[in-house]
N, C-alpha and C. Protein backbone atom coordinates (compact mmCIF):
# COMPACT_ATOMS: atom_id res chain seq x y z
N MET A 1 94.92 135.59 117.25
CA MET A 1 96.08 134.86 116.77
C MET A 1 96.97 134.43 117.92
N ALA A 2 96.98 135.18 119.00
CA ALA A 2 97.84 134.86 120.13
C ALA A 2 97.48 133.53 120.78
N PRO A 3 96.18 133.19 120.97
CA PRO A 3 95.89 131.89 121.59
C PRO A 3 96.36 130.71 120.73
N LEU A 4 96.32 130.88 119.42
CA LEU A 4 96.77 129.79 118.55
C LEU A 4 98.27 129.58 118.67
N THR A 5 99.03 130.64 118.72
CA THR A 5 100.48 130.49 118.86
C THR A 5 100.84 129.90 120.22
N LEU A 6 100.08 130.27 121.25
CA LEU A 6 100.32 129.66 122.57
C LEU A 6 99.99 128.18 122.54
N TRP A 7 98.92 127.82 121.83
CA TRP A 7 98.51 126.43 121.76
C TRP A 7 99.54 125.61 120.97
N LEU A 8 100.16 126.22 119.94
CA LEU A 8 101.12 125.49 119.11
C LEU A 8 102.51 125.43 119.72
N ARG A 9 102.76 126.15 120.79
CA ARG A 9 104.09 126.09 121.42
C ARG A 9 104.33 124.75 122.11
N ASN A 10 103.27 124.08 122.48
CA ASN A 10 103.39 122.77 123.11
C ASN A 10 103.74 121.74 122.02
N PRO A 11 104.84 121.00 122.18
CA PRO A 11 105.24 120.04 121.14
C PRO A 11 104.20 118.94 120.88
N VAL A 12 103.50 118.51 121.91
CA VAL A 12 102.50 117.46 121.73
C VAL A 12 101.34 117.98 120.88
N ARG A 13 100.88 119.17 121.17
CA ARG A 13 99.78 119.76 120.39
C ARG A 13 100.22 120.04 118.95
N ARG A 14 101.45 120.51 118.80
CA ARG A 14 101.95 120.77 117.45
C ARG A 14 102.05 119.46 116.66
N GLY A 15 102.51 118.40 117.31
CA GLY A 15 102.57 117.10 116.65
C GLY A 15 101.18 116.58 116.29
N LEU A 16 100.22 116.79 117.19
CA LEU A 16 98.85 116.38 116.92
C LEU A 16 98.29 117.13 115.72
N LEU A 17 98.56 118.42 115.64
CA LEU A 17 98.08 119.20 114.50
C LEU A 17 98.72 118.71 113.21
N MET A 18 100.01 118.40 113.24
CA MET A 18 100.67 117.90 112.04
C MET A 18 100.10 116.55 111.60
N ILE A 19 99.78 115.69 112.55
CA ILE A 19 99.19 114.39 112.22
C ILE A 19 97.81 114.57 111.61
N VAL A 20 97.02 115.49 112.16
CA VAL A 20 95.68 115.74 111.63
C VAL A 20 95.77 116.30 110.21
N VAL A 21 96.67 117.24 109.98
CA VAL A 21 96.82 117.83 108.64
C VAL A 21 97.33 116.77 107.66
N ALA A 22 98.30 115.97 108.07
CA ALA A 22 98.84 114.93 107.18
C ALA A 22 97.77 113.89 106.84
N THR A 23 96.96 113.50 107.82
CA THR A 23 95.91 112.53 107.58
C THR A 23 94.85 113.09 106.63
N ALA A 24 94.48 114.33 106.83
CA ALA A 24 93.46 114.94 105.97
C ALA A 24 93.97 115.10 104.54
N THR A 25 95.20 115.55 104.37
CA THR A 25 95.72 115.73 103.01
C THR A 25 95.96 114.39 102.32
N ALA A 26 96.43 113.39 103.05
CA ALA A 26 96.63 112.07 102.44
C ALA A 26 95.29 111.46 102.04
N GLY A 27 94.28 111.59 102.88
CA GLY A 27 92.96 111.09 102.53
C GLY A 27 92.38 111.78 101.31
N PHE A 28 92.56 113.10 101.25
CA PHE A 28 92.09 113.85 100.08
C PHE A 28 92.82 113.40 98.81
N ALA A 29 94.13 113.23 98.91
CA ALA A 29 94.92 112.83 97.74
C ALA A 29 94.52 111.44 97.26
N MET A 30 94.30 110.51 98.18
CA MET A 30 93.90 109.16 97.78
C MET A 30 92.52 109.14 97.15
N ALA A 31 91.60 109.92 97.71
CA ALA A 31 90.25 109.99 97.13
C ALA A 31 90.28 110.63 95.75
N ALA A 32 91.07 111.69 95.59
CA ALA A 32 91.16 112.34 94.28
C ALA A 32 91.77 111.40 93.25
N GLN A 33 92.82 110.67 93.63
CA GLN A 33 93.45 109.74 92.69
C GLN A 33 92.48 108.63 92.31
N GLY A 34 91.76 108.11 93.27
CA GLY A 34 90.78 107.06 92.97
C GLY A 34 89.69 107.53 92.03
N ASN A 35 89.19 108.75 92.26
CA ASN A 35 88.15 109.28 91.39
C ASN A 35 88.68 109.57 89.99
N ILE A 36 89.89 110.08 89.89
CA ILE A 36 90.46 110.36 88.58
C ILE A 36 90.66 109.08 87.79
N VAL A 37 91.17 108.03 88.44
CA VAL A 37 91.38 106.76 87.75
C VAL A 37 90.06 106.16 87.31
N THR A 38 89.06 106.19 88.18
CA THR A 38 87.75 105.63 87.84
C THR A 38 87.13 106.39 86.67
N ASN A 39 87.18 107.71 86.72
CA ASN A 39 86.62 108.50 85.62
C ASN A 39 87.38 108.28 84.32
N TYR A 40 88.69 108.15 84.40
CA TYR A 40 89.49 107.90 83.19
C TYR A 40 89.14 106.56 82.58
N PHE A 41 89.04 105.53 83.40
CA PHE A 41 88.70 104.20 82.88
C PHE A 41 87.30 104.20 82.26
N GLU A 42 86.38 104.90 82.92
CA GLU A 42 85.00 104.85 82.46
C GLU A 42 84.77 105.74 81.24
N HIS A 43 85.20 106.99 81.30
CA HIS A 43 84.87 107.94 80.24
C HIS A 43 85.83 107.89 79.06
N ASP A 44 87.13 107.85 79.32
CA ASP A 44 88.11 107.89 78.22
C ASP A 44 88.34 106.53 77.59
N LEU A 45 88.46 105.49 78.41
CA LEU A 45 88.72 104.16 77.87
C LEU A 45 87.45 103.37 77.60
N GLY A 46 86.33 103.79 78.18
CA GLY A 46 85.05 103.12 77.95
C GLY A 46 84.95 101.76 78.62
N LEU A 47 85.58 101.59 79.76
CA LEU A 47 85.53 100.31 80.45
C LEU A 47 84.32 100.25 81.37
N ASN A 48 83.70 99.08 81.46
CA ASN A 48 82.58 98.86 82.36
C ASN A 48 83.06 98.19 83.63
N GLY A 49 82.15 97.66 84.41
CA GLY A 49 82.49 97.03 85.67
C GLY A 49 83.45 95.85 85.57
N PRO A 50 83.16 94.85 84.73
CA PRO A 50 84.06 93.69 84.66
C PRO A 50 85.47 94.04 84.18
N GLU A 51 85.57 94.90 83.17
CA GLU A 51 86.89 95.27 82.68
C GLU A 51 87.67 96.04 83.73
N PHE A 52 86.98 96.91 84.45
CA PHE A 52 87.64 97.65 85.53
C PHE A 52 88.13 96.70 86.62
N GLY A 53 87.34 95.65 86.89
CA GLY A 53 87.76 94.65 87.86
C GLY A 53 88.97 93.87 87.41
N TYR A 54 89.03 93.57 86.10
CA TYR A 54 90.20 92.84 85.58
C TYR A 54 91.46 93.68 85.73
N ILE A 55 91.37 94.96 85.39
CA ILE A 55 92.55 95.83 85.49
C ILE A 55 92.97 95.98 86.95
N THR A 56 92.00 96.12 87.85
CA THR A 56 92.33 96.23 89.27
C THR A 56 92.97 94.96 89.79
N ALA A 57 92.47 93.81 89.36
CA ALA A 57 93.06 92.54 89.79
C ALA A 57 94.49 92.40 89.30
N ILE A 58 94.74 92.82 88.06
CA ILE A 58 96.10 92.75 87.53
C ILE A 58 97.03 93.68 88.31
N ARG A 59 96.52 94.84 88.71
CA ARG A 59 97.34 95.78 89.48
C ARG A 59 97.66 95.25 90.87
N GLU A 60 96.85 94.36 91.41
CA GLU A 60 97.06 93.84 92.76
C GLU A 60 98.04 92.67 92.81
N ILE A 61 98.33 92.05 91.68
CA ILE A 61 99.21 90.87 91.65
C ILE A 61 100.59 91.16 92.24
N PRO A 62 101.26 92.27 91.90
CA PRO A 62 102.58 92.51 92.50
C PRO A 62 102.55 92.60 94.03
N GLY A 63 101.47 93.10 94.59
CA GLY A 63 101.37 93.16 96.04
C GLY A 63 101.32 91.77 96.67
N PHE A 64 100.55 90.88 96.06
CA PHE A 64 100.49 89.51 96.56
C PHE A 64 101.84 88.81 96.40
N LEU A 65 102.49 89.02 95.28
CA LEU A 65 103.81 88.43 95.08
C LEU A 65 104.82 88.97 96.08
N LEU A 66 104.68 90.23 96.44
CA LEU A 66 105.59 90.82 97.42
C LEU A 66 105.42 90.18 98.80
N ILE A 67 104.20 89.80 99.15
CA ILE A 67 103.97 89.12 100.43
C ILE A 67 104.69 87.77 100.44
N PHE A 68 104.55 87.01 99.36
CA PHE A 68 105.22 85.71 99.30
C PHE A 68 106.73 85.86 99.24
N LEU A 69 107.22 86.86 98.55
CA LEU A 69 108.65 87.10 98.48
C LEU A 69 109.21 87.49 99.85
N THR A 70 108.46 88.28 100.59
CA THR A 70 108.88 88.66 101.94
C THR A 70 108.93 87.43 102.85
N ALA A 71 107.94 86.56 102.73
CA ALA A 71 107.96 85.34 103.53
C ALA A 71 109.14 84.45 103.16
N LEU A 72 109.48 84.39 101.87
CA LEU A 72 110.64 83.61 101.45
C LEU A 72 111.92 84.21 101.98
N PHE A 73 112.05 85.53 101.91
CA PHE A 73 113.24 86.20 102.43
C PHE A 73 113.37 86.02 103.94
N TYR A 74 112.26 85.91 104.62
CA TYR A 74 112.30 85.70 106.07
C TYR A 74 112.89 84.34 106.42
N ARG A 75 112.68 83.37 105.54
CA ARG A 75 113.16 82.01 105.81
C ARG A 75 114.63 81.82 105.43
N VAL A 76 115.19 82.69 104.57
CA VAL A 76 116.57 82.55 104.11
C VAL A 76 117.48 83.33 105.04
N SER A 77 118.65 82.77 105.33
CA SER A 77 119.59 83.47 106.22
C SER A 77 120.14 84.71 105.53
N LEU A 78 120.58 85.66 106.34
CA LEU A 78 121.05 86.95 105.82
C LEU A 78 122.28 86.82 104.92
N PRO A 79 123.29 85.99 105.27
CA PRO A 79 124.43 85.86 104.35
C PRO A 79 124.04 85.30 102.99
N ARG A 80 123.16 84.31 102.97
CA ARG A 80 122.72 83.75 101.68
C ARG A 80 121.89 84.75 100.90
N LEU A 81 121.06 85.51 101.60
CA LEU A 81 120.25 86.52 100.94
C LEU A 81 121.13 87.61 100.34
N THR A 82 122.15 88.01 101.06
CA THR A 82 123.09 89.02 100.56
C THR A 82 123.86 88.50 99.36
N ALA A 83 124.32 87.26 99.43
CA ALA A 83 125.04 86.67 98.30
C ALA A 83 124.14 86.57 97.07
N GLY A 84 122.90 86.19 97.27
CA GLY A 84 121.97 86.12 96.15
C GLY A 84 121.70 87.48 95.54
N ALA A 85 121.58 88.51 96.38
CA ALA A 85 121.36 89.86 95.87
C ALA A 85 122.56 90.35 95.08
N LEU A 86 123.77 90.04 95.56
CA LEU A 86 124.98 90.45 94.84
C LEU A 86 125.10 89.73 93.50
N VAL A 87 124.78 88.43 93.48
CA VAL A 87 124.83 87.68 92.22
C VAL A 87 123.80 88.23 91.24
N LEU A 88 122.59 88.49 91.71
CA LEU A 88 121.55 89.03 90.85
C LEU A 88 121.93 90.41 90.31
N ALA A 89 122.47 91.26 91.16
CA ALA A 89 122.89 92.60 90.72
C ALA A 89 124.02 92.51 89.71
N SER A 90 124.98 91.61 89.95
CA SER A 90 126.08 91.48 89.00
C SER A 90 125.59 90.92 87.67
N CYS A 91 124.60 90.05 87.69
CA CYS A 91 124.03 89.55 86.43
C CYS A 91 123.39 90.69 85.64
N PHE A 92 122.68 91.58 86.34
CA PHE A 92 122.07 92.72 85.66
C PHE A 92 123.14 93.65 85.08
N VAL A 93 124.20 93.88 85.83
CA VAL A 93 125.27 94.76 85.36
C VAL A 93 125.97 94.15 84.15
N VAL A 94 126.28 92.86 84.22
CA VAL A 94 126.96 92.20 83.10
C VAL A 94 126.06 92.19 81.87
N SER A 95 124.79 91.89 82.05
CA SER A 95 123.88 91.87 80.90
C SER A 95 123.75 93.26 80.29
N GLU A 96 123.73 94.29 81.12
CA GLU A 96 123.65 95.66 80.60
C GLU A 96 124.92 96.05 79.85
N LEU A 97 126.06 95.61 80.34
CA LEU A 97 127.31 95.89 79.64
C LEU A 97 127.37 95.17 78.30
N VAL A 98 126.90 93.93 78.27
CA VAL A 98 126.89 93.19 77.00
C VAL A 98 125.93 93.84 76.01
N ILE A 99 124.76 94.20 76.47
CA ILE A 99 123.78 94.84 75.58
C ILE A 99 124.29 96.20 75.12
N ALA A 100 124.94 96.94 76.02
CA ALA A 100 125.49 98.25 75.63
C ALA A 100 126.62 98.09 74.63
N ALA A 101 127.39 97.03 74.73
CA ALA A 101 128.47 96.80 73.77
C ALA A 101 127.91 96.50 72.39
N VAL A 102 126.76 95.86 72.34
CA VAL A 102 126.12 95.56 71.06
C VAL A 102 125.55 96.84 70.45
N GLY A 103 125.12 97.76 71.29
CA GLY A 103 124.61 99.03 70.78
C GLY A 103 123.19 99.34 71.18
N CYS A 104 122.53 98.43 71.86
CA CYS A 104 121.17 98.66 72.30
C CYS A 104 121.11 98.52 73.82
N SER A 105 120.79 99.58 74.50
CA SER A 105 120.71 99.55 75.95
C SER A 105 119.27 99.79 76.37
N PHE A 106 118.57 98.75 76.75
CA PHE A 106 117.18 98.89 77.13
C PHE A 106 117.01 99.31 78.58
N MET A 107 118.00 99.06 79.41
CA MET A 107 117.86 99.40 80.81
C MET A 107 118.05 100.90 81.03
N LEU A 108 119.01 101.48 80.34
CA LEU A 108 119.30 102.90 80.53
C LEU A 108 118.50 103.77 79.57
N ARG A 109 118.51 103.44 78.30
CA ARG A 109 117.78 104.22 77.30
C ARG A 109 117.67 103.39 76.04
N ILE A 110 116.85 103.84 75.09
CA ILE A 110 116.70 103.17 73.82
C ILE A 110 117.17 104.13 72.74
N PRO A 111 118.34 103.91 72.15
CA PRO A 111 118.78 104.81 71.09
C PRO A 111 117.94 104.62 69.82
N ASP A 112 118.02 105.60 68.95
CA ASP A 112 117.25 105.54 67.70
C ASP A 112 117.68 104.38 66.82
N ASN A 113 118.99 104.12 66.75
CA ASN A 113 119.45 103.03 65.90
C ASN A 113 118.99 101.68 66.41
N CYS A 114 118.67 101.59 67.67
CA CYS A 114 118.18 100.33 68.25
C CYS A 114 116.77 100.04 67.77
N ILE A 115 115.95 101.06 67.66
CA ILE A 115 114.57 100.86 67.21
C ILE A 115 114.57 100.44 65.75
N GLU A 116 115.46 101.01 64.95
CA GLU A 116 115.51 100.67 63.53
C GLU A 116 115.95 99.22 63.32
N ARG A 117 116.78 98.70 64.21
CA ARG A 117 117.24 97.32 64.06
C ARG A 117 116.12 96.33 64.28
N TRP A 118 115.22 96.62 65.19
CA TRP A 118 114.17 95.68 65.51
C TRP A 118 113.06 95.81 64.50
């Protein structure tokens, strides 16, 4: 045990060990999640290859949109981007207050009386 503690006293070696452990655990977690999702789609939902491809393609759309949104934000100046974010946030707050005044708040929660109305 003593050689290991001597080896870990060096900050570079300790950092290397932490990177190796983090990489191994992240790889294991990603592989486990992928296998669980694949088995769930195949065994529980009964999806074959094409259906699995459709679901995967739909899941990838937000990532592609995020790339285009990032490129758009890169072209807009920071003051205009900040003003747009404030206007958008205030619109969400105002709409939530109006909906809450009516009695149905979908952003925060859905009360029981709201479900009965619809």
